[in-house]
Protein backbone atom coordinates (compact mmCIF):
# COMPACT_ATOMS: atom_id res chain seq x y z
CA MET A 1 21.83 -218.44 123.55
CA SER A 2 25.05 -219.90 124.83
CA GLN A 3 25.71 -223.63 124.54
CA LYS A 4 27.92 -225.39 127.02
CA LYS A 5 31.31 -225.99 125.51
CA THR A 6 30.97 -229.75 126.05
CA GLU A 7 27.76 -229.76 123.99
CA ILE A 8 29.56 -227.99 121.15
CA VAL A 9 32.38 -230.55 121.15
CA ARG A 10 29.91 -233.46 121.35
CA ALA A 11 28.01 -231.99 118.37
CA LEU A 12 31.31 -231.71 116.50
CA TYR A 13 31.99 -235.44 116.85
CA GLU A 14 28.41 -236.28 115.85
CA ALA A 15 28.82 -234.17 112.70
CA MET A 16 32.14 -235.88 111.95
CA ASN A 17 30.53 -239.32 112.35
CA ASP A 18 27.80 -238.25 109.94
CA GLN A 19 30.48 -236.88 107.59
CA ASP A 20 28.46 -233.65 107.63
CA SER A 21 31.14 -231.15 106.63
CA GLY A 22 28.59 -228.31 106.60
CA ARG A 23 27.72 -228.89 110.26
CA VAL A 24 31.41 -229.31 111.17
CA ALA A 25 32.06 -225.94 109.50
CA GLU A 26 29.43 -224.33 111.73
CA LEU A 27 31.17 -225.66 114.84
CA ILE A 28 34.75 -224.58 114.11
CA HIS A 29 36.25 -221.15 113.56
CA PRO A 30 37.39 -220.16 110.04
CA GLU A 31 40.97 -219.88 111.38
CA VAL A 32 40.83 -223.07 113.49
CA GLU A 33 44.09 -224.90 114.15
CA TRP A 34 44.34 -228.67 114.61
CA VAL A 35 47.53 -230.26 115.96
CA PRO A 36 47.48 -234.00 115.25
CA ASP A 37 49.05 -236.48 117.66
CA SER A 38 52.76 -236.69 116.85
CA ARG A 39 52.36 -240.31 115.69
CA VAL A 40 50.27 -239.10 112.75
CA GLY A 41 53.39 -237.49 111.29
CA GLU A 42 51.82 -234.19 110.32
CA GLY A 43 52.34 -230.73 111.71
CA PRO A 44 49.65 -228.24 112.67
CA ILE A 45 46.79 -227.82 110.20
CA LYS A 46 45.27 -224.37 109.90
CA GLY A 47 42.00 -223.12 108.51
CA ARG A 48 38.48 -224.53 108.50
CA GLU A 49 38.64 -226.19 105.08
CA SER A 50 42.03 -227.82 105.76
CA VAL A 51 40.94 -229.17 109.14
CA ILE A 52 37.68 -230.54 107.72
CA ARG A 53 39.61 -232.16 104.86
CA PHE A 54 42.06 -233.73 107.38
CA PHE A 55 39.26 -235.41 109.34
CA MET A 56 37.21 -236.40 106.29
CA ASP A 57 40.31 -237.91 104.65
CA ARG A 58 40.91 -239.99 107.78
CA ALA A 59 37.35 -241.32 107.73
CA GLU A 60 37.59 -242.18 104.01
CA MET A 61 40.72 -244.29 104.62
CA PHE A 62 38.57 -246.95 106.27
CA ASP A 63 35.62 -249.15 105.30
CA GLU A 64 34.10 -248.53 108.71
CA TYR A 65 34.94 -245.60 110.98
CA HIS A 66 33.10 -244.43 114.08
CA VAL A 67 34.04 -242.04 116.88
CA GLU A 68 32.40 -242.48 120.27
CA VAL A 69 32.73 -239.80 122.93
CA GLU A 70 33.49 -241.62 126.18
CA ARG A 71 33.97 -238.65 128.48
CA LEU A 72 34.14 -234.85 128.34
CA TRP A 73 35.59 -232.36 130.80
CA GLU A 74 35.11 -228.62 130.61
CA LYS A 75 37.58 -226.25 132.23
CA ASP A 76 37.51 -222.55 131.40
CA ASP A 77 37.70 -222.36 127.58
CA GLN A 78 38.94 -225.95 127.22
CA VAL A 79 37.11 -229.18 126.57
CA LEU A 80 38.98 -232.43 126.94
CA ALA A 81 37.39 -235.31 125.06
CA PHE A 82 38.27 -238.94 125.64
CA ILE A 83 37.17 -240.69 122.49
CA ARG A 84 37.09 -244.24 121.19
CA VAL A 85 37.71 -244.71 117.49
CA ARG A 86 36.63 -248.02 115.95
CA GLY A 87 36.44 -249.36 112.48
CA SER A 88 38.03 -251.55 109.87
CA GLY A 89 40.76 -251.03 107.33
CA GLN A 90 39.90 -250.41 103.73
CA GLY A 91 40.62 -253.51 101.69
CA SER A 92 42.12 -255.55 104.55
CA GLY A 93 39.06 -255.41 106.77
CA ALA A 94 41.39 -255.41 109.79
CA GLN A 95 39.52 -254.18 112.85
CA PHE A 96 40.89 -251.42 115.03
CA ASP A 97 39.78 -249.96 118.35
CA ILE A 98 41.76 -247.10 119.87
CA ARG A 99 41.18 -244.75 122.77
CA ILE A 100 42.69 -241.30 122.54
CA GLY A 101 42.26 -237.77 123.85
CA HIS A 102 41.50 -234.51 122.09
CA LEU A 103 41.88 -231.14 123.79
CA TRP A 104 39.73 -228.37 122.28
CA ILE A 105 39.71 -224.64 122.93
CA VAL A 106 36.22 -223.20 122.42
CA HIS A 107 35.47 -219.47 122.09
CA ASP A 108 32.20 -217.87 121.05
CA GLU A 109 30.55 -221.29 120.58
CA VAL A 110 33.09 -222.62 118.05
CA GLY A 111 36.26 -224.66 118.28
CA VAL A 112 39.30 -222.48 117.67
CA ARG A 113 42.06 -225.00 118.36
CA GLY A 114 42.34 -228.72 118.91
CA GLU A 115 45.14 -231.10 119.70
CA GLY A 116 45.26 -234.88 119.56
CA TYR A 117 46.92 -237.08 122.18
CA GLY A 118 47.57 -240.78 121.83
CA ASP A 119 48.35 -240.87 125.55
CA ARG A 120 45.30 -239.89 127.60
CA GLY A 121 47.48 -239.13 130.62
CA LYS A 122 49.31 -236.48 128.61
CA ALA A 123 45.97 -235.07 127.47
CA LEU A 124 44.82 -234.76 131.08
CA GLU A 125 48.09 -233.09 132.00
CA ALA A 126 47.86 -230.64 129.09
CA ALA A 127 44.35 -229.69 130.20
CA GLY A 128 45.42 -229.29 133.84
CA LEU A 129 43.02 -232.03 134.92
CA SER A 130 43.18 -235.36 136.68
CA ASP A 131 41.08 -238.47 136.11
């Protein structure tokens, strides 16, 4: 039974919040590619294990870390997610609250490619959408 692509992406963020790497693995393709926002300073990350490790490492850098899905758009094989990431720095306790965009390509009920955007306008443009 086919799931809507938005439901798959929402489930992916829920699994990430739960730090459930097994569930994340079920929701992304073995050859998935993740392209972090350029401000992260890393190039494309390829392969299920590497992508899971990238996101789990990010979560472990903070005392508190939570991703909230604010809005999802589905267009063809794409899902654009506007997310809010909140938490506090490890050791310092400094609070952070950022709003970013992630553009996912979903085929056969799994994410095959994702890209992060610090600028939501650029994420909308990349997806061929408007707010």
